[in-house]
Amino acid sequence: MADSKTDLRIIRTKESILTALIDLIEEKGFETITVKDITTRANINRGTFYAHYQDKFDLMAKCEEKVMLEISSIAKQNFPNVIASLEMDSSNVPPFPLTVSLFEYLNKNSDIMRALLGPKGDLSFQTRLKEFMWDTLYGTNPIALVKEENFLVPGQYLSSYMGTALIGVVQQWLNSGRKESPQEMARILTIINVNGPFYAAGLKK
């Protein structure tokens, strides 16, 4: 029983540290935050912080690693559905379950995602997330959806275009208050991804 109480206390401590980090990133930016800022906001002592993290960079790295692992897990679970959807008529492709699940995850974790992907967050994370998503969904991964040998343009430009576009759409949605549902955002992104931006703009029927 004591162990479960200790575990619960650790979980609550880590949650309060994460909440403090998110609030402080929004307020003053990751670069200027100190461990003292985090411990004061989380209402814990420095020893408690250092029992779990080496410094603020270690805390940030562990947050980012957790996000990437969870997104990777969502992607792997949904691969077969995406492949099946792509075999349909491109003008009538339903939102990929993968994209719906991804936006549901972003919605549920909107505070941390807005902090990480915002201008005051860790800008290197955005680059790593783009590369990670590309490697997971497309790149050289043996279970990737598309294979590099089939590309019609050089892979580095395709990955840059798609990664930047995806992160841009996510940032816009998070920063504008998530007015659309995850299902609606999945529909929007599927139309753009499957048919291209000219089709989405009504220029190409």
C-alpha atoms as a PDB file:
ATOM      1  CA  MET A   1       0.000   0.000   0.000  1.00  0.00           C
ATOM      2  CA  ALA A   2       2.869   2.345   0.829  1.00  0.00           C
ATOM      3  CA  ASP A   3       4.356   1.741  -2.631  1.00  0.00           C
ATOM      4  CA  SER A   4       1.134   2.715  -4.387  1.00  0.00           C
ATOM      5  CA  LYS A   5       0.943   5.899  -2.290  1.00  0.00           C
ATOM      6  CA  THR A   6       4.565   6.698  -3.181  1.00  0.00           C
ATOM      7  CA  ASP A   7       3.878   6.028  -6.875  1.00  0.00           C
ATOM      8  CA  LEU A   8       0.819   8.292  -6.783  1.00  0.00           C
ATOM      9  CA  ARG A   9       2.843  11.030  -5.084  1.00  0.00           C
ATOM     10  CA  ILE A  10       5.549  10.772  -7.774  1.00  0.00           C
ATOM     11  CA  ILE A  11       2.921  10.966 -10.543  1.00  0.00           C
ATOM     12  CA  ARG A  12       1.355  14.058  -8.934  1.00  0.00           C
ATOM     13  CA  THR A  13       4.781  15.686  -8.467  1.00  0.00           C
ATOM     14  CA  LYS A  14       5.684  15.111 -12.122  1.00  0.00           C
ATOM     15  CA  GLU A  15       2.286  16.450 -13.214  1.00  0.00           C
ATOM     16  CA  SER A  16       2.768  19.632 -11.165  1.00  0.00           C
ATOM     17  CA  ILE A  17       6.287  20.084 -12.623  1.00  0.00           C
ATOM     18  CA  LEU A  18       4.916  19.645 -16.164  1.00  0.00           C
ATOM     19  CA  THR A  19       2.054  22.087 -15.530  1.00  0.00           C
ATOM     20  CA  ALA A  20       4.550  24.623 -14.172  1.00  0.00           C
ATOM     21  CA  LEU A  21       6.771  24.148 -17.240  1.00  0.00           C
ATOM     22  CA  ILE A  22       3.849  24.647 -19.661  1.00  0.00           C
ATOM     23  CA  ASP A  23       2.631  27.803 -17.869  1.00  0.00           C
ATOM     24  CA  LEU A  24       6.139  29.271 -17.725  1.00  0.00           C
ATOM     25  CA  ILE A  25       6.861  28.558 -21.403  1.00  0.00           C
ATOM     26  CA  GLU A  26       3.651  30.413 -22.334  1.00  0.00           C
ATOM     27  CA  GLU A  27       4.540  33.312 -20.019  1.00  0.00           C
ATOM     28  CA  LYS A  28       8.266  33.868 -20.552  1.00  0.00           C
ATOM     29  CA  GLY A  29       9.633  31.294 -22.986  1.00  0.00           C
ATOM     30  CA  PHE A  30      11.727  28.183 -22.396  1.00  0.00           C
ATOM     31  CA  GLU A  31      15.067  29.954 -22.865  1.00  0.00           C
ATOM     32  CA  THR A  32      14.615  32.232 -19.827  1.00  0.00           C
ATOM     33  CA  ILE A  33      13.022  29.694 -17.437  1.00  0.00           C
ATOM     34  CA  THR A  34      15.142  28.541 -14.477  1.00  0.00           C
ATOM     35  CA  VAL A  35      14.750  25.463 -12.275  1.00  0.00           C
ATOM     36  CA  LYS A  36      13.900  27.866  -9.428  1.00  0.00           C
ATOM     37  CA  ASP A  37      11.008  29.260 -11.526  1.00  0.00           C
ATOM     38  CA  ILE A  38       9.695  25.722 -12.043  1.00  0.00           C
ATOM     39  CA  THR A  39      10.023  24.631  -8.385  1.00  0.00           C
ATOM     40  CA  THR A  40       8.417  27.857  -7.118  1.00  0.00           C
ATOM     41  CA  ARG A  41       5.476  27.508  -9.526  1.00  0.00           C
ATOM     42  CA  ALA A  42       5.070  23.775  -8.805  1.00  0.00           C
ATOM     43  CA  ASN A  43       5.345  24.424  -5.056  1.00  0.00           C
ATOM     44  CA  ILE A  44       8.106  21.858  -4.536  1.00  0.00           C
ATOM     45  CA  ASN A  45      11.703  22.086  -3.307  1.00  0.00           C
ATOM     46  CA  ARG A  46      14.743  21.833  -5.570  1.00  0.00           C
ATOM     47  CA  GLY A  47      15.680  18.416  -4.166  1.00  0.00           C
ATOM     48  CA  THR A  48      12.339  17.009  -5.332  1.00  0.00           C
ATOM     49  CA  PHE A  49      12.921  18.390  -8.831  1.00  0.00           C
ATOM     50  CA  TYR A  50      16.460  16.968  -9.031  1.00  0.00           C
ATOM     51  CA  ALA A  51      15.221  13.562  -7.842  1.00  0.00           C
ATOM     52  CA  HIS A  52      13.440  13.280 -11.221  1.00  0.00           C
ATOM     53  CA  TYR A  53      15.315  15.546 -13.666  1.00  0.00           C
ATOM     54  CA  GLN A  54      18.933  16.677 -14.131  1.00  0.00           C
ATOM     55  CA  ASP A  55      17.937  20.186 -15.244  1.00  0.00           C
ATOM     56  CA  LYS A  56      15.315  22.017 -17.327  1.00  0.00           C
ATOM     57  CA  PHE A  57      16.751  20.570 -20.552  1.00  0.00           C
ATOM     58  CA  ASP A  58      16.372  17.018 -19.234  1.00  0.00           C
ATOM     59  CA  LEU A  59      12.777  17.802 -18.239  1.00  0.00           C
ATOM     60  CA  MET A  60      12.057  19.185 -21.721  1.00  0.00           C
ATOM     61  CA  ALA A  61      13.771  16.230 -23.428  1.00  0.00           C
ATOM     62  CA  LYS A  62      11.699  13.722 -21.412  1.00  0.00           C
ATOM     63  CA  CYS A  63       8.462  15.587 -22.286  1.00  0.00           C
ATOM     64  CA  GLU A  64       9.354  15.600 -25.976  1.00  0.00           C
ATOM     65  CA  GLU A  65      10.383  11.941 -25.958  1.00  0.00           C
ATOM     66  CA  LYS A  66       7.038  10.978 -24.367  1.00  0.00           C
ATOM     67  CA  VAL A  67       5.123  12.932 -27.035  1.00  0.00           C
ATOM     68  CA  MET A  68       7.078  11.278 -29.855  1.00  0.00           C
ATOM     69  CA  LEU A  69       6.580   7.773 -28.437  1.00  0.00           C
ATOM     70  CA  GLU A  70       2.824   8.338 -28.076  1.00  0.00           C
ATOM     71  CA  ILE A  71       2.497   9.706 -31.634  1.00  0.00           C
ATOM     72  CA  SER A  72       4.558   6.777 -32.937  1.00  0.00           C
ATOM     73  CA  SER A  73       2.256   4.341 -31.161  1.00  0.00           C
ATOM     74  CA  ILE A  74      -0.839   5.995 -32.711  1.00  0.00           C
ATOM     75  CA  ALA A  75       0.760   5.836 -36.177  1.00  0.00           C
ATOM     76  CA  LYS A  76       1.700   2.155 -35.970  1.00  0.00           C
ATOM     77  CA  GLN A  77      -1.780   1.135 -34.788  1.00  0.00           C
ATOM     78  CA  ASN A  78      -3.414   2.921 -37.734  1.00  0.00           C
ATOM     79  CA  PHE A  79      -1.137   2.031 -40.679  1.00  0.00           C
ATOM     80  CA  PRO A  80      -3.403  -0.661 -42.213  1.00  0.00           C
ATOM     81  CA  ASN A  81      -6.415   1.708 -42.271  1.00  0.00           C
ATOM     82  CA  VAL A  82      -4.475   4.411 -44.129  1.00  0.00           C
ATOM     83  CA  ILE A  83      -3.297   1.978 -46.803  1.00  0.00           C
ATOM     84  CA  ALA A  84      -6.896   0.781 -47.312  1.00  0.00           C
ATOM     85  CA  SER A  85      -8.174   4.396 -47.556  1.00  0.00           C
ATOM     86  CA  LEU A  86      -5.567   5.354 -50.173  1.00  0.00           C
ATOM     87  CA  GLU A  87      -6.824   2.586 -52.457  1.00  0.00           C
ATOM     88  CA  MET A  88     -10.218   4.333 -52.723  1.00  0.00           C
ATOM     89  CA  ASP A  89     -11.300   7.014 -55.234  1.00  0.00           C
ATOM     90  CA  SER A  90      -9.157  10.044 -54.276  1.00  0.00           C
ATOM     91  CA  SER A  91     -12.089  12.496 -54.530  1.00  0.00           C
ATOM     92  CA  ASN A  92     -13.984  10.554 -51.890  1.00  0.00           C
ATOM     93  CA  VAL A  93     -11.351   9.479 -49.356  1.00  0.00           C
ATOM     94  CA  PRO A  94     -12.739   9.607 -45.802  1.00  0.00           C
ATOM     95  CA  PRO A  95     -10.549  11.161 -43.095  1.00  0.00           C
ATOM     96  CA  PHE A  96      -7.794   8.710 -42.204  1.00  0.00           C
ATOM     97  CA  PRO A  97      -8.401   7.101 -38.779  1.00  0.00           C
ATOM     98  CA  LEU A  98      -4.697   7.870 -38.199  1.00  0.00           C
ATOM     99  CA  THR A  99      -5.302  11.612 -38.715  1.00  0.00           C
ATOM    100  CA  VAL A 100      -8.410  11.548 -36.501  1.00  0.00           C
ATOM    101  CA  SER A 101      -6.448   9.749 -33.757  1.00  0.00           C
ATOM    102  CA  LEU A 102      -3.562  12.191 -34.130  1.00  0.00           C
ATOM    103  CA  PHE A 103      -5.835  15.230 -33.733  1.00  0.00           C
ATOM    104  CA  GLU A 104      -7.642  13.574 -30.800  1.00  0.00           C
ATOM    105  CA  TYR A 105      -4.227  13.160 -29.132  1.00  0.00           C
ATOM    106  CA  LEU A 106      -3.292  16.789 -29.881  1.00  0.00           C
ATOM    107  CA  ASN A 107      -6.657  17.936 -28.521  1.00  0.00           C
ATOM    108  CA  LYS A 108      -6.257  15.935 -25.305  1.00  0.00           C
ATOM    109  CA  ASN A 109      -2.671  17.215 -24.852  1.00  0.00           C
ATOM    110  CA  SER A 110      -3.266  20.692 -26.277  1.00  0.00           C
ATOM    111  CA  ASP A 111      -1.551  22.584 -23.436  1.00  0.00           C
ATOM    112  CA  ILE A 112       1.804  20.822 -23.755  1.00  0.00           C
ATOM    113  CA  MET A 113       1.606  20.681 -27.571  1.00  0.00           C
ATOM    114  CA  ARG A 114       0.861  24.419 -27.824  1.00  0.00           C
ATOM    115  CA  ALA A 115       3.804  25.148 -25.503  1.00  0.00           C
ATOM    116  CA  LEU A 116       6.211  22.836 -27.365  1.00  0.00           C
ATOM    117  CA  LEU A 117       5.169  23.974 -30.848  1.00  0.00           C
ATOM    118  CA  GLY A 118       4.754  27.665 -30.017  1.00  0.00           C
ATOM    119  CA  PRO A 119       7.290  30.435 -30.706  1.00  0.00           C
ATOM    120  CA  LYS A 120       8.405  30.400 -27.035  1.00  0.00           C
ATOM    121  CA  GLY A 121       8.928  26.629 -26.922  1.00  0.00           C
ATOM    122  CA  ASP A 122      11.819  24.488 -28.098  1.00  0.00           C
ATOM    123  CA  LEU A 123      12.225  25.301 -31.791  1.00  0.00           C
ATOM    124  CA  SER A 124      14.538  22.318 -32.336  1.00  0.00           C
ATOM    125  CA  PHE A 125      11.642  20.072 -31.245  1.00  0.00           C
ATOM    126  CA  GLN A 126       9.617  21.156 -34.274  1.00  0.00           C
ATOM    127  CA  THR A 127      12.433  20.055 -36.584  1.00  0.00           C
ATOM    128  CA  ARG A 128      12.815  16.738 -34.762  1.00  0.00           C
ATOM    129  CA  LEU A 129       9.047  16.137 -34.794  1.00  0.00           C
ATOM    130  CA  LYS A 130       8.896  16.753 -38.559  1.00  0.00           C
ATOM    131  CA  GLU A 131      11.780  14.338 -39.176  1.00  0.00           C
ATOM    132  CA  PHE A 132      10.281  11.796 -36.781  1.00  0.00           C
ATOM    133  CA  MET A 133       6.835  11.923 -38.466  1.00  0.00           C
ATOM    134  CA  TRP A 134       8.434  11.578 -41.902  1.00  0.00           C
ATOM    135  CA  ASP A 135      10.568   8.617 -40.831  1.00  0.00           C
ATOM    136  CA  THR A 136       7.605   6.934 -39.144  1.00  0.00           C
ATOM    137  CA  LEU A 137       5.060   7.435 -41.933  1.00  0.00           C
ATOM    138  CA  TYR A 138       7.098   7.559 -45.094  1.00  0.00           C
ATOM    139  CA  GLY A 139      10.929   7.397 -44.921  1.00  0.00           C
ATOM    140  CA  THR A 140      13.091   4.309 -44.831  1.00  0.00           C
ATOM    141  CA  ASN A 141      11.018   2.627 -42.122  1.00  0.00           C
ATOM    142  CA  PRO A 142      10.246  -0.952 -43.360  1.00  0.00           C
ATOM    143  CA  ILE A 143       6.527  -0.542 -42.530  1.00  0.00           C
ATOM    144  CA  ALA A 144       6.296   3.010 -43.924  1.00  0.00           C
ATOM    145  CA  LEU A 145       3.227   3.876 -46.000  1.00  0.00           C
ATOM    146  CA  VAL A 146       5.107   4.921 -49.111  1.00  0.00           C
ATOM    147  CA  LYS A 147       8.463   3.832 -50.443  1.00  0.00           C
ATOM    148  CA  GLU A 148      11.192   6.211 -51.554  1.00  0.00           C
ATOM    149  CA  GLU A 149      11.739   4.339 -54.812  1.00  0.00           C
ATOM    150  CA  ASN A 150       8.230   5.409 -55.906  1.00  0.00           C
ATOM    151  CA  PHE A 151       8.732   9.161 -55.267  1.00  0.00           C
ATOM    152  CA  LEU A 152       8.198  11.478 -58.258  1.00  0.00           C
ATOM    153  CA  VAL A 153      10.339  14.236 -56.660  1.00  0.00           C
ATOM    154  CA  PRO A 154      13.485  14.129 -54.454  1.00  0.00           C
ATOM    155  CA  GLY A 155      12.600  12.809 -50.994  1.00  0.00           C
ATOM    156  CA  GLN A 156      14.165  15.660 -49.013  1.00  0.00           C
ATOM    157  CA  TYR A 157      11.853  18.223 -50.671  1.00  0.00           C
ATOM    158  CA  LEU A 158       8.768  16.067 -50.266  1.00  0.00           C
ATOM    159  CA  SER A 159       9.527  15.461 -46.577  1.00  0.00           C
ATOM    160  CA  SER A 160      10.237  19.160 -45.964  1.00  0.00           C
ATOM    161  CA  TYR A 161       7.004  20.235 -47.708  1.00  0.00           C
ATOM    162  CA  MET A 162       4.758  17.711 -45.966  1.00  0.00           C
ATOM    163  CA  GLY A 163       6.370  18.062 -42.538  1.00  0.00           C
ATOM    164  CA  THR A 164       6.233  21.861 -42.555  1.00  0.00           C
ATOM    165  CA  ALA A 165       2.648  21.836 -43.843  1.00  0.00           C
ATOM    166  CA  LEU A 166       1.486  19.364 -41.169  1.00  0.00           C
ATOM    167  CA  ILE A 167       3.155  21.247 -38.293  1.00  0.00           C
ATOM    168  CA  GLY A 168       1.777  24.532 -39.690  1.00  0.00           C
ATOM    169  CA  VAL A 169      -1.793  23.199 -39.763  1.00  0.00           C
ATOM    170  CA  VAL A 170      -1.442  21.844 -36.203  1.00  0.00           C
ATOM    171  CA  GLN A 171       0.002  25.151 -34.915  1.00  0.00           C
ATOM    172  CA  GLN A 172      -2.787  27.148 -36.559  1.00  0.00           C
ATOM    173  CA  TRP A 173      -5.446  24.909 -34.988  1.00  0.00           C
ATOM    174  CA  LEU A 174      -3.877  24.955 -31.502  1.00  0.00           C
ATOM    175  CA  ASN A 175      -3.260  28.720 -31.536  1.00  0.00           C
ATOM    176  CA  SER A 176      -6.721  29.629 -32.834  1.00  0.00           C
ATOM    177  CA  GLY A 177      -8.471  27.847 -29.974  1.00  0.00           C
ATOM    178  CA  ARG A 178      -9.243  24.420 -31.521  1.00  0.00           C
ATOM    179  CA  LYS A 179     -12.651  25.534 -32.835  1.00  0.00           C
ATOM    180  CA  GLU A 180     -12.871  22.577 -35.219  1.00  0.00           C
ATOM    181  CA  SER A 181     -13.259  19.048 -33.855  1.00  0.00           C
ATOM    182  CA  PRO A 182     -10.464  16.488 -34.335  1.00  0.00           C
ATOM    183  CA  GLN A 183     -12.727  14.773 -36.906  1.00  0.00           C
ATOM    184  CA  GLU A 184     -13.156  18.015 -38.886  1.00  0.00           C
ATOM    185  CA  MET A 185      -9.415  18.742 -38.775  1.00  0.00           C
ATOM    186  CA  ALA A 186      -8.727  15.210 -40.007  1.00  0.00           C
ATOM    187  CA  ARG A 187     -11.142  15.812 -42.914  1.00  0.00           C
ATOM    188  CA  ILE A 188      -9.429  19.122 -43.794  1.00  0.00           C
ATOM    189  CA  LEU A 189      -5.932  17.622 -43.680  1.00  0.00           C
ATOM    190  CA  THR A 190      -6.980  14.532 -45.663  1.00  0.00           C
ATOM    191  CA  ILE A 191      -8.419  16.699 -48.469  1.00  0.00           C
ATOM    192  CA  ILE A 192      -5.212  18.750 -48.658  1.00  0.00           C
ATOM    193  CA  ASN A 193      -2.884  15.744 -48.400  1.00  0.00           C
ATOM    194  CA  VAL A 194      -4.684  13.373 -50.765  1.00  0.00           C
ATOM    195  CA  ASN A 195      -5.804  15.875 -53.419  1.00  0.00           C
ATOM    196  CA  GLY A 196      -3.277  18.695 -53.007  1.00  0.00           C
ATOM    197  CA  PRO A 197      -3.601  22.395 -52.096  1.00  0.00           C
ATOM    198  CA  PHE A 198      -4.847  23.478 -55.552  1.00  0.00           C
ATOM    199  CA  TYR A 199      -7.767  21.061 -55.282  1.00  0.00           C
ATOM    200  CA  ALA A 200      -8.475  22.276 -51.724  1.00  0.00           C
ATOM    201  CA  ALA A 201      -8.490  25.892 -53.002  1.00  0.00           C
ATOM    202  CA  GLY A 202     -11.107  25.007 -55.617  1.00  0.00           C
ATOM    203  CA  LEU A 203      -8.734  25.596 -58.557  1.00  0.00           C
ATOM    204  CA  LYS A 204      -8.585  21.999 -59.750  1.00  0.00           C
ATOM    205  CA  LYS A 205     -11.714  19.891 -59.958  1.00  0.00           C
END
